[in-house]
Amino acid sequence: MSSDFSLTFTNVSQTSFTRRNLSWGEDPALGTTHSIPDNTLQARVGVQSLKWSQTLSTVATWNDAICEWQAPNGHWFGVKIHQPVQIFGIGTAPYYLVSYYDGNETKDYYQPSSEPGNPFTFPTSLGFQVKVVPAAGHATLALSVNINDLPK
């Protein structure tokens, strides 16, 4: 079954991450959850996903999701999918927000671009290269979050 929304984290860095926070609308009347990420995002080959579909998507949607990952150095990053209410397909398309802590400053969730299809790269002050690559539709949003070591 395909998912209307997804957060997929792929870690090819040498660092394993621990899930710091996870929340999403779990109401079965509103949607179906297809996968939930484990507590650990393994180094080098780790892939974890949160995927879900909207049951009542033709009538109205509203169902946010957040997933945050923390490194052993205490730095963390998070991605949130916000689904504004749409009634019969009319309304604002879903978009994503980002947040992070780099050891010096905590950035609360903010929208990095007014266009949900634009990619975003977190600051390298996190100690890794973290890039969000979206595939956006009017009522769907799939985010691939790729984690790499910083170039030497």
N, C-alpha and C. Protein backbone atom coordinates (compact mmCIF):
# COMPACT_ATOMS: atom_id res chain seq x y z
N MET A 1 0.84 -1.18 0.00
CA MET A 1 0.00 0.00 0.00
C MET A 1 0.89 1.24 0.00
N SER A 2 0.56 2.21 -0.80
CA SER A 2 1.36 3.42 -0.87
C SER A 2 1.02 4.34 0.30
N SER A 3 1.95 5.22 0.62
CA SER A 3 1.78 6.15 1.72
C SER A 3 1.59 7.55 1.17
N ASP A 4 0.72 8.31 1.81
CA ASP A 4 0.53 9.71 1.45
C ASP A 4 1.67 10.57 1.99
N PHE A 5 2.22 10.16 3.13
CA PHE A 5 3.24 10.94 3.82
C PHE A 5 4.34 10.02 4.31
N SER A 6 5.58 10.49 4.24
CA SER A 6 6.67 9.68 4.77
C SER A 6 7.86 10.55 5.15
N LEU A 7 8.55 10.08 6.17
CA LEU A 7 9.85 10.60 6.60
C LEU A 7 10.79 9.41 6.56
N THR A 8 11.73 9.39 5.64
CA THR A 8 12.68 8.29 5.53
C THR A 8 14.08 8.82 5.78
N PHE A 9 14.73 8.27 6.79
CA PHE A 9 16.07 8.69 7.19
C PHE A 9 17.07 7.62 6.75
N THR A 10 18.06 8.02 5.96
CA THR A 10 19.10 7.12 5.48
C THR A 10 20.44 7.62 6.03
N ASN A 11 21.10 6.78 6.81
CA ASN A 11 22.34 7.17 7.47
C ASN A 11 23.51 6.39 6.89
N VAL A 12 24.39 7.07 6.17
CA VAL A 12 25.61 6.44 5.68
C VAL A 12 26.84 7.01 6.40
N SER A 13 26.61 7.78 7.46
CA SER A 13 27.72 8.32 8.24
C SER A 13 28.29 7.22 9.14
N GLN A 14 29.38 7.53 9.83
CA GLN A 14 29.99 6.58 10.75
C GLN A 14 29.40 6.67 12.15
N THR A 15 28.35 7.46 12.31
CA THR A 15 27.72 7.69 13.61
C THR A 15 26.32 7.09 13.65
N SER A 16 26.03 6.36 14.72
CA SER A 16 24.65 5.90 14.95
C SER A 16 23.90 6.99 15.71
N PHE A 17 22.61 7.09 15.46
CA PHE A 17 21.76 8.09 16.09
C PHE A 17 20.67 7.40 16.91
N THR A 18 20.27 8.05 18.00
CA THR A 18 19.18 7.56 18.83
C THR A 18 17.96 8.43 18.59
N ARG A 19 16.81 7.78 18.47
CA ARG A 19 15.59 8.55 18.27
C ARG A 19 15.30 9.35 19.54
N ARG A 20 15.15 10.64 19.37
CA ARG A 20 14.96 11.57 20.47
C ARG A 20 13.48 11.86 20.71
N ASN A 21 12.73 11.96 19.64
CA ASN A 21 11.31 12.31 19.72
C ASN A 21 10.59 11.74 18.50
N LEU A 22 9.40 11.26 18.73
CA LEU A 22 8.56 10.77 17.64
C LEU A 22 7.11 11.02 18.01
N SER A 23 6.39 11.70 17.13
CA SER A 23 4.96 11.88 17.35
C SER A 23 4.26 12.02 16.01
N TRP A 24 3.06 11.49 15.94
CA TRP A 24 2.23 11.61 14.75
C TRP A 24 0.81 11.26 15.15
N GLY A 25 -0.15 11.64 14.34
CA GLY A 25 -1.55 11.32 14.62
C GLY A 25 -1.79 9.84 14.44
N GLU A 26 -2.06 9.15 15.52
CA GLU A 26 -2.23 7.70 15.47
C GLU A 26 -3.69 7.27 15.43
N ASP A 27 -4.62 8.20 15.21
CA ASP A 27 -6.04 7.89 15.22
C ASP A 27 -6.41 7.06 13.99
N PRO A 28 -6.83 5.80 14.16
CA PRO A 28 -7.15 4.96 13.00
C PRO A 28 -8.32 5.48 12.17
N ALA A 29 -9.15 6.35 12.75
CA ALA A 29 -10.25 6.94 11.96
C ALA A 29 -9.72 7.95 10.95
N LEU A 30 -8.54 8.51 11.24
CA LEU A 30 -7.97 9.53 10.36
C LEU A 30 -6.95 8.98 9.38
N GLY A 31 -6.31 7.87 9.71
CA GLY A 31 -5.28 7.37 8.81
C GLY A 31 -4.76 6.01 9.21
N THR A 32 -3.86 5.50 8.37
CA THR A 32 -3.24 4.20 8.58
C THR A 32 -1.73 4.39 8.63
N THR A 33 -1.10 3.86 9.68
CA THR A 33 0.34 3.92 9.79
C THR A 33 0.92 2.67 9.14
N HIS A 34 1.89 2.86 8.24
CA HIS A 34 2.50 1.75 7.52
C HIS A 34 3.84 1.32 8.12
N SER A 35 4.60 2.27 8.67
CA SER A 35 5.87 1.91 9.32
C SER A 35 6.23 2.97 10.35
N ILE A 36 6.92 2.50 11.41
CA ILE A 36 7.35 3.36 12.50
C ILE A 36 8.85 3.14 12.68
N PRO A 37 9.65 4.21 12.82
CA PRO A 37 11.10 4.02 12.97
C PRO A 37 11.47 3.39 14.31
N ASP A 38 12.51 2.56 14.28
CA ASP A 38 13.07 1.98 15.50
C ASP A 38 13.73 3.09 16.32
N ASN A 39 14.23 2.71 17.49
CA ASN A 39 14.88 3.67 18.38
C ASN A 39 16.28 4.05 17.95
N THR A 40 16.90 3.25 17.06
CA THR A 40 18.28 3.50 16.64
C THR A 40 18.36 3.58 15.12
N LEU A 41 19.06 4.59 14.65
CA LEU A 41 19.38 4.74 13.23
C LEU A 41 20.86 4.36 13.10
N GLN A 42 21.10 3.14 12.64
CA GLN A 42 22.45 2.57 12.61
C GLN A 42 23.39 3.34 11.69
N ALA A 43 24.67 3.28 12.01
CA ALA A 43 25.71 3.89 11.19
C ALA A 43 25.87 3.12 9.88
N ARG A 44 26.29 3.81 8.85
CA ARG A 44 26.69 3.30 7.54
C ARG A 44 25.56 2.76 6.66
N VAL A 45 24.62 2.05 7.23
CA VAL A 45 23.56 1.45 6.41
C VAL A 45 22.18 1.62 7.02
N GLY A 46 22.04 2.52 7.97
CA GLY A 46 20.78 2.65 8.68
C GLY A 46 19.70 3.33 7.86
N VAL A 47 18.53 2.71 7.81
CA VAL A 47 17.36 3.31 7.17
C VAL A 47 16.17 3.10 8.09
N GLN A 48 15.49 4.19 8.45
CA GLN A 48 14.30 4.13 9.28
C GLN A 48 13.24 5.03 8.67
N SER A 49 11.97 4.62 8.75
CA SER A 49 10.89 5.39 8.12
C SER A 49 9.66 5.47 9.00
N LEU A 50 8.99 6.61 8.88
CA LEU A 50 7.64 6.78 9.37
C LEU A 50 6.80 7.04 8.13
N LYS A 51 5.84 6.16 7.89
CA LYS A 51 4.98 6.28 6.69
C LYS A 51 3.53 6.11 7.11
N TRP A 52 2.67 6.95 6.54
CA TRP A 52 1.25 6.85 6.86
C TRP A 52 0.40 7.38 5.72
N SER A 53 -0.87 6.98 5.74
CA SER A 53 -1.85 7.40 4.74
C SER A 53 -3.04 8.02 5.45
N GLN A 54 -3.73 8.89 4.75
CA GLN A 54 -4.93 9.53 5.27
C GLN A 54 -6.16 8.75 4.82
N THR A 55 -6.97 8.32 5.76
CA THR A 55 -8.20 7.61 5.45
C THR A 55 -9.26 8.55 4.91
N LEU A 56 -9.39 9.71 5.50
CA LEU A 56 -10.43 10.67 5.12
C LEU A 56 -9.87 11.80 4.27
N SER A 57 -8.87 11.51 3.46
CA SER A 57 -8.17 12.57 2.73
C SER A 57 -9.05 13.31 1.74
N THR A 58 -10.14 12.72 1.26
CA THR A 58 -10.99 13.44 0.31
C THR A 58 -11.90 14.44 1.02
N VAL A 59 -12.08 14.26 2.32
CA VAL A 59 -12.95 15.18 3.06
C VAL A 59 -12.12 16.26 3.74
N ALA A 60 -11.22 15.86 4.60
CA ALA A 60 -10.39 16.83 5.32
C ALA A 60 -9.16 16.12 5.86
N THR A 61 -8.06 16.84 5.93
CA THR A 61 -6.85 16.28 6.53
C THR A 61 -6.27 17.26 7.52
N TRP A 62 -5.65 16.71 8.52
CA TRP A 62 -4.84 17.45 9.46
C TRP A 62 -4.20 16.41 10.35
N ASN A 63 -2.89 16.29 10.27
CA ASN A 63 -2.22 15.22 10.97
C ASN A 63 -0.71 15.47 10.87
N ASP A 64 -0.12 16.09 11.87
CA ASP A 64 1.30 16.41 11.84
C ASP A 64 2.14 15.25 12.35
N ALA A 65 3.42 15.23 11.94
CA ALA A 65 4.35 14.21 12.41
C ALA A 65 5.71 14.83 12.64
N ILE A 66 6.39 14.36 13.68
CA ILE A 66 7.73 14.84 14.03
C ILE A 66 8.61 13.62 14.29
N CYS A 67 9.85 13.67 13.77
CA CYS A 67 10.85 12.66 14.13
C CYS A 67 12.18 13.37 14.32
N GLU A 68 12.82 13.12 15.47
CA GLU A 68 14.10 13.75 15.80
C GLU A 68 15.13 12.67 16.13
N TRP A 69 16.38 12.92 15.72
CA TRP A 69 17.48 11.99 15.97
C TRP A 69 18.62 12.72 16.66
N GLN A 70 19.24 12.03 17.65
CA GLN A 70 20.33 12.62 18.42
C GLN A 70 21.60 11.79 18.26
N ALA A 71 22.73 12.50 18.09
CA ALA A 71 24.04 11.86 17.97
C ALA A 71 24.66 11.72 19.37
N PRO A 72 25.69 10.89 19.51
CA PRO A 72 26.36 10.73 20.80
C PRO A 72 26.95 12.04 21.35
N ASN A 73 27.26 13.00 20.47
CA ASN A 73 27.82 14.28 20.93
C ASN A 73 26.75 15.22 21.47
N GLY A 74 25.49 14.79 21.50
CA GLY A 74 24.39 15.60 22.04
C GLY A 74 23.69 16.46 21.00
N HIS A 75 24.28 16.60 19.83
CA HIS A 75 23.64 17.37 18.77
C HIS A 75 22.47 16.57 18.20
N TRP A 76 21.43 17.28 17.79
CA TRP A 76 20.26 16.59 17.24
C TRP A 76 19.64 17.42 16.13
N PHE A 77 18.82 16.73 15.33
CA PHE A 77 18.06 17.40 14.28
C PHE A 77 16.69 16.75 14.20
N GLY A 78 15.73 17.51 13.73
CA GLY A 78 14.38 16.99 13.61
C GLY A 78 13.69 17.52 12.37
N VAL A 79 12.74 16.74 11.89
CA VAL A 79 11.94 17.12 10.73
C VAL A 79 10.48 16.91 11.08
N LYS A 80 9.66 17.86 10.69
CA LYS A 80 8.22 17.81 10.96
C LYS A 80 7.48 17.98 9.64
N ILE A 81 6.47 17.15 9.42
CA ILE A 81 5.55 17.35 8.30
C ILE A 81 4.28 17.96 8.87
N HIS A 82 3.89 19.11 8.33
CA HIS A 82 2.66 19.77 8.74
C HIS A 82 1.63 19.62 7.63
N GLN A 83 0.47 19.11 8.00
CA GLN A 83 -0.62 18.92 7.05
C GLN A 83 -1.73 19.91 7.38
N PRO A 84 -1.79 21.04 6.69
CA PRO A 84 -2.90 21.96 6.94
C PRO A 84 -4.23 21.31 6.54
N VAL A 85 -5.30 21.80 7.11
CA VAL A 85 -6.62 21.26 6.78
C VAL A 85 -6.93 21.51 5.31
N GLN A 86 -7.36 20.48 4.63
CA GLN A 86 -7.86 20.58 3.26
C GLN A 86 -9.26 19.98 3.25
N ILE A 87 -10.18 20.67 2.63
CA ILE A 87 -11.54 20.16 2.52
C ILE A 87 -11.83 19.91 1.05
N PHE A 88 -12.10 18.64 0.73
CA PHE A 88 -12.33 18.22 -0.66
C PHE A 88 -11.19 18.69 -1.57
N GLY A 89 -9.94 18.59 -1.06
CA GLY A 89 -8.77 18.94 -1.87
C GLY A 89 -8.48 20.42 -1.98
N ILE A 90 -9.26 21.25 -1.30
CA ILE A 90 -9.04 22.70 -1.35
C ILE A 90 -8.31 23.12 -0.08
N GLY A 91 -7.23 23.83 -0.25
CA GLY A 91 -6.47 24.31 0.89
C GLY A 91 -4.98 24.23 0.62
N THR A 92 -4.21 24.59 1.62
CA THR A 92 -2.76 24.64 1.52
C THR A 92 -2.16 23.24 1.47
N ALA A 93 -1.17 23.06 0.62
CA ALA A 93 -0.46 21.78 0.51
C ALA A 93 0.36 21.54 1.78
N PRO A 94 0.63 20.27 2.10
CA PRO A 94 1.49 19.98 3.24
C PRO A 94 2.90 20.51 3.00
N TYR A 95 3.58 20.82 4.09
CA TYR A 95 4.95 21.32 3.99
C TYR A 95 5.75 20.80 5.18
N TYR A 96 7.07 21.01 5.13
CA TYR A 96 7.90 20.51 6.21
C TYR A 96 8.59 21.64 6.96
N LEU A 97 8.96 21.34 8.19
CA LEU A 97 9.70 22.25 9.05
C LEU A 97 10.90 21.50 9.61
N VAL A 98 11.90 22.23 10.06
CA VAL A 98 13.12 21.63 10.60
C VAL A 98 13.48 22.28 11.93
N SER A 99 14.22 21.55 12.74
CA SER A 99 14.71 22.04 14.02
C SER A 99 16.04 21.34 14.30
N TYR A 100 16.88 21.96 15.12
CA TYR A 100 18.15 21.31 15.46
C TYR A 100 18.79 21.95 16.68
N TYR A 101 19.76 21.22 17.24
CA TYR A 101 20.64 21.74 18.28
C TYR A 101 22.05 21.37 17.87
N ASP A 102 22.93 22.37 17.77
CA ASP A 102 24.30 22.14 17.29
C ASP A 102 25.36 22.33 18.37
N GLY A 103 24.94 22.34 19.64
CA GLY A 103 25.89 22.54 20.73
C GLY A 103 25.94 23.98 21.19
N ASN A 104 25.58 24.91 20.34
CA ASN A 104 25.58 26.33 20.69
C ASN A 104 24.19 26.93 20.72
N GLU A 105 23.35 26.49 19.80
CA GLU A 105 22.03 27.11 19.69
C GLU A 105 21.00 26.07 19.31
N THR A 106 19.81 26.26 19.86
CA THR A 106 18.67 25.43 19.49
C THR A 106 17.78 26.24 18.58
N LYS A 107 17.48 25.69 17.43
CA LYS A 107 16.55 26.33 16.50
C LYS A 107 15.22 25.59 16.61
N ASP A 108 14.19 26.32 17.04
CA ASP A 108 12.85 25.73 17.08
C ASP A 108 12.38 25.48 15.66
N TYR A 109 11.32 24.69 15.53
CA TYR A 109 10.84 24.32 14.20
C TYR A 109 10.50 25.55 13.37
N TYR A 110 11.04 25.57 12.17
CA TYR A 110 10.78 26.65 11.22
C TYR A 110 10.71 26.07 9.81
N GLN A 111 10.04 26.79 8.93
CA GLN A 111 9.88 26.37 7.54
C GLN A 111 11.07 26.92 6.75
N PRO A 112 11.96 26.05 6.22
CA PRO A 112 13.16 26.53 5.55
C PRO A 112 12.90 27.15 4.18
N SER A 113 11.74 26.88 3.60
CA SER A 113 11.41 27.42 2.28
C SER A 113 9.89 27.53 2.18
N SER A 114 9.42 28.53 1.45
CA SER A 114 7.97 28.65 1.25
C SER A 114 7.47 27.62 0.24
N GLU A 115 8.38 26.98 -0.47
CA GLU A 115 8.03 25.95 -1.46
C GLU A 115 8.36 24.57 -0.87
N PRO A 116 7.34 23.72 -0.60
CA PRO A 116 7.60 22.43 0.04
C PRO A 116 8.44 21.47 -0.79
N GLY A 117 8.63 21.73 -2.07
CA GLY A 117 9.44 20.86 -2.91
C GLY A 117 10.92 21.22 -2.92
N ASN A 118 11.30 22.30 -2.22
CA ASN A 118 12.71 22.70 -2.20
C ASN A 118 13.49 21.90 -1.16
N PRO A 119 14.69 21.41 -1.51
CA PRO A 119 15.52 20.70 -0.54
C PRO A 119 16.11 21.67 0.48
N PHE A 120 16.61 21.10 1.58
CA PHE A 120 17.21 21.89 2.65
C PHE A 120 18.40 21.12 3.20
N THR A 121 19.49 21.84 3.47
CA THR A 121 20.67 21.25 4.11
C THR A 121 20.86 21.90 5.48
N PHE A 122 20.93 21.07 6.52
CA PHE A 122 21.16 21.57 7.87
C PHE A 122 22.57 22.16 7.96
N PRO A 123 22.82 23.05 8.93
CA PRO A 123 24.17 23.60 9.11
C PRO A 123 25.18 22.50 9.44
N THR A 124 26.39 22.64 8.93
CA THR A 124 27.43 21.65 9.19
C THR A 124 27.90 21.69 10.65
N SER A 125 27.50 22.71 11.40
CA SER A 125 27.85 22.79 12.82
C SER A 125 27.26 21.62 13.62
N LEU A 126 26.33 20.87 13.03
CA LEU A 126 25.82 19.66 13.67
C LEU A 126 26.91 18.59 13.77
N GLY A 127 27.90 18.67 12.87
CA GLY A 127 28.96 17.67 12.84
C GLY A 127 28.76 16.62 11.77
N PHE A 128 27.69 16.74 11.00
CA PHE A 128 27.39 15.82 9.91
C PHE A 128 26.76 16.62 8.79
N GLN A 129 26.62 15.98 7.67
CA GLN A 129 25.93 16.57 6.52
C GLN A 129 24.53 15.94 6.51
N VAL A 130 23.51 16.76 6.73
CA VAL A 130 22.13 16.28 6.77
C VAL A 130 21.32 17.06 5.75
N LYS A 131 20.73 16.35 4.79
CA LYS A 131 19.98 17.01 3.72
C LYS A 131 18.58 16.42 3.60
N VAL A 132 17.60 17.31 3.51
CA VAL A 132 16.20 16.92 3.31
C VAL A 132 15.88 17.07 1.83
N VAL A 133 15.42 15.99 1.21
CA VAL A 133 15.05 16.00 -0.21
C VAL A 133 13.56 15.64 -0.30
N PRO A 134 12.70 16.63 -0.62
CA PRO A 134 11.26 16.37 -0.65
C PRO A 134 10.73 15.97 -2.02
N ALA A 135 9.65 15.22 -1.99
CA ALA A 135 8.82 14.96 -3.16
C ALA A 135 7.42 15.41 -2.74
N ALA A 136 6.99 16.57 -3.26
CA ALA A 136 5.78 17.22 -2.77
C ALA A 136 4.66 17.19 -3.80
N GLY A 137 3.46 16.93 -3.31
CA GLY A 137 2.25 17.03 -4.12
C GLY A 137 1.25 17.91 -3.38
N HIS A 138 0.09 18.13 -3.96
CA HIS A 138 -0.88 19.01 -3.29
C HIS A 138 -1.43 18.40 -2.01
N ALA A 139 -1.50 17.08 -1.94
CA ALA A 139 -2.03 16.43 -0.74
C ALA A 139 -1.10 15.34 -0.22
N THR A 140 0.15 15.31 -0.70
CA THR A 140 1.12 14.31 -0.27
C THR A 140 2.48 14.97 -0.05
N LEU A 141 3.30 14.33 0.77
CA LEU A 141 4.66 14.81 0.98
C LEU A 141 5.53 13.65 1.46
N ALA A 142 6.59 13.37 0.72
CA ALA A 142 7.56 12.34 1.09
C ALA A 142 8.91 13.02 1.25
N LEU A 143 9.53 12.84 2.40
CA LEU A 143 10.83 13.45 2.67
C LEU A 143 11.89 12.37 2.83
N SER A 144 12.96 12.49 2.06
CA SER A 144 14.14 11.65 2.24
C SER A 144 15.16 12.51 2.97
N VAL A 145 15.61 12.04 4.12
CA VAL A 145 16.60 12.76 4.91
C VAL A 145 17.88 11.93 4.88
N ASN A 146 18.91 12.48 4.24
CA ASN A 146 20.16 11.75 4.02
C ASN A 146 21.24 12.29 4.93
N ILE A 147 21.91 11.39 5.66
CA ILE A 147 22.92 11.76 6.64
C ILE A 147 24.26 11.19 6.19
N ASN A 148 25.26 12.06 6.09
CA ASN A 148 26.61 11.67 5.68
C ASN A 148 27.62 12.29 6.63
N ASP A 149 28.84 11.75 6.62
CA ASP A 149 29.94 12.40 7.32
C ASP A 149 30.30 13.67 6.57
N LEU A 150 30.86 14.64 7.29
CA LEU A 150 31.35 15.85 6.64
C LEU A 150 32.57 15.50 5.80
N PRO A 151 32.74 16.16 4.66
CA PRO A 151 33.95 15.91 3.86
C PRO A 151 35.19 16.31 4.66
N LYS A 152 36.26 15.55 4.46
CA LYS A 152 37.51 15.85 5.19
C LYS A 152 38.42 16.70 4.36
